[in-house]
N, C-alpha and C. Protein backbone atom coordinates (compact mmCIF):
# COMPACT_ATOMS: atom_id res chain seq x y z
N MET A 1 -2.51 -3.83 -13.31
CA MET A 1 -3.53 -3.74 -12.44
C MET A 1 -3.21 -2.46 -11.59
N GLU A 2 -4.10 -1.56 -11.24
CA GLU A 2 -3.67 -0.32 -10.18
C GLU A 2 -3.76 -1.25 -8.64
N TYR A 3 -3.01 -0.78 -7.80
CA TYR A 3 -2.95 -1.04 -6.54
C TYR A 3 -2.92 0.38 -5.58
N TRP A 4 -3.99 0.26 -4.53
CA TRP A 4 -3.56 1.64 -3.85
C TRP A 4 -3.24 0.97 -2.30
N VAL A 5 -2.42 2.49 -1.85
CA VAL A 5 -1.74 2.03 -0.57
C VAL A 5 -2.48 3.08 0.44
N TYR A 6 -2.98 2.83 1.53
CA TYR A 6 -3.94 3.94 2.21
C TYR A 6 -3.64 3.74 3.63
N ILE A 7 -3.76 4.97 4.43
CA ILE A 7 -3.82 5.08 5.60
C ILE A 7 -5.09 5.23 6.37
N ILE A 8 -5.72 4.41 7.40
CA ILE A 8 -6.96 4.88 8.11
C ILE A 8 -6.49 5.02 9.52
N TYR A 9 -7.52 5.76 10.06
CA TYR A 9 -7.06 6.24 11.60
C TYR A 9 -8.42 5.84 11.99
N SER A 10 -7.91 5.58 13.46
CA SER A 10 -9.13 5.16 14.73
C SER A 10 -8.83 6.34 15.78
N GLU A 11 -10.26 7.30 16.10
CA GLU A 11 -10.20 8.17 16.96
C GLU A 11 -10.11 7.38 18.66
N SER A 12 -10.73 6.35 18.48
CA SER A 12 -10.78 5.69 19.90
C SER A 12 -9.43 5.03 20.05
N LEU A 13 -8.68 4.65 19.36
CA LEU A 13 -7.31 4.02 19.60
C LEU A 13 -6.32 5.47 19.41
N VAL A 14 -6.78 6.27 18.99
CA VAL A 14 -5.78 7.21 18.40
C VAL A 14 -4.63 6.64 17.67
N GLY A 15 -5.07 5.78 16.96
CA GLY A 15 -3.97 5.18 16.04
C GLY A 15 -3.85 4.97 14.74
N PHE A 16 -3.27 4.63 13.84
CA PHE A 16 -3.34 4.36 12.47
C PHE A 16 -3.16 3.00 12.11
N TYR A 17 -3.74 2.56 10.59
CA TYR A 17 -3.47 1.46 10.35
C TYR A 17 -3.13 1.65 8.90
N LYS A 18 -1.80 1.10 8.35
CA LYS A 18 -1.55 1.31 6.93
C LYS A 18 -1.53 -0.28 6.12
N GLY A 19 -2.19 -0.25 4.63
CA GLY A 19 -2.70 -1.04 4.29
C GLY A 19 -2.39 -1.03 2.54
N GLN A 20 -2.57 -2.12 1.66
CA GLN A 20 -2.70 -1.86 0.59
C GLN A 20 -3.84 -2.70 0.04
N THR A 21 -4.46 -2.54 -1.08
CA THR A 21 -5.21 -3.28 -2.01
C THR A 21 -5.92 -2.80 -3.45
N HIS A 22 -6.96 -3.64 -3.84
CA HIS A 22 -7.22 -3.23 -5.16
C HIS A 22 -8.02 -1.69 -4.99
N HIS A 23 -9.43 -2.03 -4.13
CA HIS A 23 -10.47 -1.41 -3.94
C HIS A 23 -10.26 -0.62 -2.45
N VAL A 24 -10.02 0.64 -2.41
CA VAL A 24 -9.91 0.98 -1.26
C VAL A 24 -11.06 1.43 -0.27
N GLN A 25 -12.36 1.61 -0.95
CA GLN A 25 -13.48 1.76 -0.35
C GLN A 25 -14.25 0.47 -0.12
N GLN A 26 -13.91 -0.52 -0.39
CA GLN A 26 -14.41 -1.92 -0.31
C GLN A 26 -13.43 -2.58 0.78
N ARG A 27 -12.15 -2.07 1.05
CA ARG A 27 -11.34 -2.32 2.08
C ARG A 27 -11.64 -1.82 3.34
N LEU A 28 -12.10 -0.48 3.14
CA LEU A 28 -12.63 0.56 4.20
C LEU A 28 -13.67 -0.34 4.83
N GLN A 29 -14.88 -0.54 3.83
CA GLN A 29 -15.96 -1.11 4.73
C GLN A 29 -15.54 -2.40 5.53
N ARG A 30 -14.65 -3.16 4.89
CA ARG A 30 -14.27 -4.44 5.72
C ARG A 30 -13.58 -4.21 6.96
N HIS A 31 -12.73 -3.09 6.84
CA HIS A 31 -12.24 -2.95 8.31
C HIS A 31 -13.23 -2.33 9.28
N ASN A 32 -14.35 -1.59 8.94
CA ASN A 32 -15.44 -0.89 9.74
C ASN A 32 -16.34 -2.11 10.07
N SER A 33 -16.65 -3.05 9.13
CA SER A 33 -17.45 -3.91 9.39
C SER A 33 -17.09 -5.24 10.52
N GLY A 34 -15.86 -5.38 10.60
CA GLY A 34 -15.09 -6.08 11.57
C GLY A 34 -14.63 -7.41 10.98
N LEU A 35 -14.61 -7.40 9.45
CA LEU A 35 -14.18 -8.51 9.13
C LEU A 35 -12.54 -8.63 8.68
N GLU A 36 -11.95 -7.66 9.07
CA GLU A 36 -10.59 -7.80 9.28
C GLU A 36 -9.73 -7.61 10.83
N LYS A 37 -9.23 -8.85 11.24
CA LYS A 37 -9.00 -9.30 12.41
C LYS A 37 -8.16 -7.96 13.20
N SER A 38 -7.27 -7.77 12.19
CA SER A 38 -5.94 -6.85 12.90
C SER A 38 -6.83 -5.27 13.13
N THR A 39 -8.02 -5.01 12.37
CA THR A 39 -8.44 -3.85 13.01
C THR A 39 -10.09 -3.57 13.55
N GLN A 40 -10.48 -5.26 13.97
CA GLN A 40 -12.00 -5.00 14.74
C GLN A 40 -12.00 -4.22 15.86
N LYS A 41 -11.10 -3.85 16.55
CA LYS A 41 -10.98 -3.10 17.23
C LYS A 41 -10.71 -1.68 16.61
N GLY A 42 -11.23 -0.68 17.44
CA GLY A 42 -10.73 0.60 16.94
C GLY A 42 -11.91 1.32 15.86
N ARG A 43 -12.87 0.34 15.62
CA ARG A 43 -13.89 1.05 14.72
C ARG A 43 -14.82 1.92 15.18
N PRO A 44 -14.99 3.15 14.58
CA PRO A 44 -14.77 3.13 13.12
C PRO A 44 -13.64 3.81 12.55
N TRP A 45 -13.06 3.22 11.47
CA TRP A 45 -11.87 3.85 10.94
C TRP A 45 -12.02 4.68 9.60
N LEU A 46 -11.47 5.55 9.73
CA LEU A 46 -11.63 6.68 8.74
C LEU A 46 -10.30 7.05 7.94
N LEU A 47 -10.51 6.95 6.66
CA LEU A 47 -9.84 6.75 5.59
C LEU A 47 -9.09 8.12 5.75
N ILE A 48 -7.80 8.47 5.88
CA ILE A 48 -7.15 9.54 5.76
C ILE A 48 -6.44 10.16 4.61
N TRP A 49 -5.77 9.01 3.89
CA TRP A 49 -4.46 8.94 2.71
C TRP A 49 -4.57 7.83 2.13
N SER A 50 -4.50 8.28 0.78
CA SER A 50 -4.30 7.21 -0.27
C SER A 50 -3.43 7.65 -1.61
N THR A 51 -2.83 6.95 -2.25
CA THR A 51 -2.20 6.87 -3.29
C THR A 51 -2.29 5.56 -4.23
N LYS A 52 -2.37 5.70 -5.38
CA LYS A 52 -2.31 4.84 -6.58
C LYS A 52 -1.10 4.40 -6.86
N LYS A 53 -0.73 2.95 -7.06
CA LYS A 53 0.52 2.34 -7.46
C LYS A 53 0.27 1.47 -8.61
N SER A 54 1.15 1.52 -9.47
CA SER A 54 0.95 0.79 -10.96
C SER A 54 1.00 -0.54 -10.73
N SER A 55 1.67 -1.04 -9.89
CA SER A 55 2.02 -2.47 -9.34
C SER A 55 1.78 -2.99 -7.84
N ARG A 56 1.67 -4.51 -7.66
CA ARG A 56 1.89 -4.43 -6.46
C ARG A 56 3.14 -4.52 -5.58
N ALA A 57 3.97 -4.70 -6.43
CA ALA A 57 5.41 -4.98 -5.81
C ALA A 57 5.40 -3.30 -5.19
N GLU A 58 4.99 -2.42 -6.12
CA GLU A 58 4.75 -0.63 -5.55
C GLU A 58 4.30 -0.60 -4.30
N ALA A 59 3.18 -0.93 -4.27
CA ALA A 59 2.10 -0.90 -3.26
C ALA A 59 3.08 -1.81 -1.97
N ILE A 60 3.35 -2.80 -1.94
CA ILE A 60 3.88 -3.52 -1.12
C ILE A 60 5.23 -2.85 -0.22
N ALA A 61 5.96 -2.28 -1.26
CA ALA A 61 7.00 -1.37 -1.01
C ALA A 61 6.64 -0.56 0.03
N LEU A 62 5.93 0.64 -0.47
CA LEU A 62 5.35 1.58 0.28
C LEU A 62 4.84 1.22 1.57
N GLU A 63 3.78 0.18 1.26
CA GLU A 63 3.24 -0.08 2.48
C GLU A 63 4.25 -0.61 3.97
N SER A 64 4.98 -1.29 3.25
CA SER A 64 6.23 -1.68 4.23
C SER A 64 7.09 -0.43 4.81
N LYS A 65 7.22 0.33 4.08
CA LYS A 65 8.02 1.58 4.65
C LYS A 65 6.87 2.20 5.48
N LEU A 66 5.77 2.62 4.99
CA LEU A 66 4.56 3.27 6.39
C LEU A 66 4.67 2.77 7.52
N LYS A 67 4.51 1.30 7.43
CA LYS A 67 4.43 0.44 8.50
C LYS A 67 5.55 0.53 9.41
N HIS A 68 6.65 0.96 8.89
CA HIS A 68 7.64 1.43 10.37
C HIS A 68 7.87 2.60 10.66
N LEU A 69 6.58 3.65 10.28
CA LEU A 69 6.58 5.17 10.77
C LEU A 69 6.40 4.75 12.16
N SER A 70 6.74 5.87 12.84
CA SER A 70 6.01 6.03 14.03
C SER A 70 4.57 6.95 14.17
N GLN A 71 4.13 6.96 15.00
CA GLN A 71 2.57 7.88 14.92
C GLN A 71 3.17 9.32 14.23
N LYS A 72 4.07 10.08 14.99
CA LYS A 72 4.52 11.31 14.58
C LYS A 72 5.08 11.29 13.00
N ARG A 73 5.75 10.41 12.83
CA ARG A 73 6.35 10.29 11.41
C ARG A 73 5.32 10.19 10.24
N THR A 74 4.27 9.36 10.64
CA THR A 74 3.07 9.41 9.81
C THR A 74 2.28 10.51 9.36
N ILE A 75 2.04 11.14 10.72
CA ILE A 75 1.31 12.48 10.70
C ILE A 75 1.99 13.45 9.58
N ARG A 76 3.53 13.56 9.92
CA ARG A 76 4.39 14.48 8.84
C ARG A 76 4.30 13.67 7.33
N PHE A 77 4.20 12.50 7.28
CA PHE A 77 4.02 12.26 5.95
C PHE A 77 2.77 12.54 5.35
N ILE A 78 1.83 12.37 5.88
CA ILE A 78 0.53 12.90 5.59
C ILE A 78 0.55 14.41 4.98
N LYS A 79 1.00 14.64 6.00
CA LYS A 79 1.20 16.69 5.43
C LYS A 79 2.08 16.59 4.35
N LYS A 80 3.28 16.00 4.03
CA LYS A 80 4.10 16.09 3.33
C LYS A 80 3.62 15.79 1.75
N TYR A 81 2.82 14.59 1.86
CA TYR A 81 2.14 14.31 0.61
C TYR A 81 0.65 14.72 0.73
N GLU A 82 0.43 15.49 0.61
CA GLU A 82 -1.19 16.07 0.93
C GLU A 82 -1.97 15.94 -0.03
N ASP A 83 -1.25 15.66 -1.52
CA ASP A 83 -2.28 15.14 -2.45
C ASP A 83 -3.21 14.05 -2.32
N GLY A 84 -2.58 13.39 -1.36
CA GLY A 84 -3.34 11.83 -1.35
C GLY A 84 -4.49 11.94 0.10
N ILE A 85 -4.43 13.21 0.64
CA ILE A 85 -5.45 13.11 1.76
C ILE A 85 -6.73 13.05 0.99
N ALA A 86 -7.53 12.42 2.21
CA ALA A 86 -8.90 11.87 1.71
C ALA A 86 -10.10 12.69 1.99
N GLY A 87 -10.04 13.81 2.43
CA GLY A 87 -11.17 14.73 2.45
C GLY A 87 -11.44 15.61 3.74
N PRO A 88 -12.31 16.10 4.04
CA PRO A 88 -12.57 17.27 4.84
C PRO A 88 -12.24 16.46 6.31
N ASP A 89 -12.86 15.22 6.60
CA ASP A 89 -12.86 14.73 7.73
C ASP A 89 -11.00 14.72 8.31
N ALA A 90 -10.43 13.95 6.91
CA ALA A 90 -9.03 14.03 7.38
C ALA A 90 -8.29 15.37 7.68
N LEU A 91 -8.66 16.32 6.87
CA LEU A 91 -8.44 17.88 7.11
C LEU A 91 -8.69 18.18 8.54
N ARG A 92 -9.75 17.86 8.87
CA ARG A 92 -10.21 18.45 10.27
C ARG A 92 -9.21 17.50 11.14
N LEU A 93 -8.54 16.27 11.14
CA LEU A 93 -7.70 15.62 12.15
C LEU A 93 -6.44 16.22 12.05
N LEU A 94 -5.85 16.33 10.63
CA LEU A 94 -4.62 17.09 10.22
C LEU A 94 -4.33 18.77 11.26
N ALA A 95 -5.82 19.06 11.27
CA ALA A 95 -5.55 20.73 12.00
C ALA A 95 -5.15 20.46 13.41
N GLN A 96 -5.78 18.83 14.18
CA GLN A 96 -5.86 18.83 15.55
C GLN A 96 -4.16 18.42 15.62
N TRP A 97 -3.64 17.85 14.53
CA TRP A 97 -2.49 17.57 14.78
C TRP A 97 -1.42 18.44 14.59
N SER A 98 -1.72 19.81 14.39
CA SER A 98 -0.93 20.80 13.88
C SER A 98 0.62 20.84 14.54
N GLY A 99 0.64 20.28 15.73
CA GLY A 99 2.11 20.49 16.54
C GLY A 99 3.11 19.45 15.89
N TYR A 100 2.67 18.66 15.12
CA TYR A 100 3.48 17.79 14.28
C TYR A 100 4.13 18.07 13.16
């Protein structure tokens, strides 16, 4: 079964949340509907980056590494692995973060 590792961003909190799931869009809906306690504040969340992993173990390992990155290093990671950028809204934000 495939798993996804994702990074979402809250403009109101000016912060990231990193996680892993089977279904990225369903998980984003849960974050934005307030069903996830850890992200109730900061709504709406925007999907910035995601990548597919072939196992849950791989997804958990990457999620763990991402969760330890500072905001600045998270931005650098997203730019380095730009093939996972989630679309034009993410690109707009990355342009704003051009100093990183």
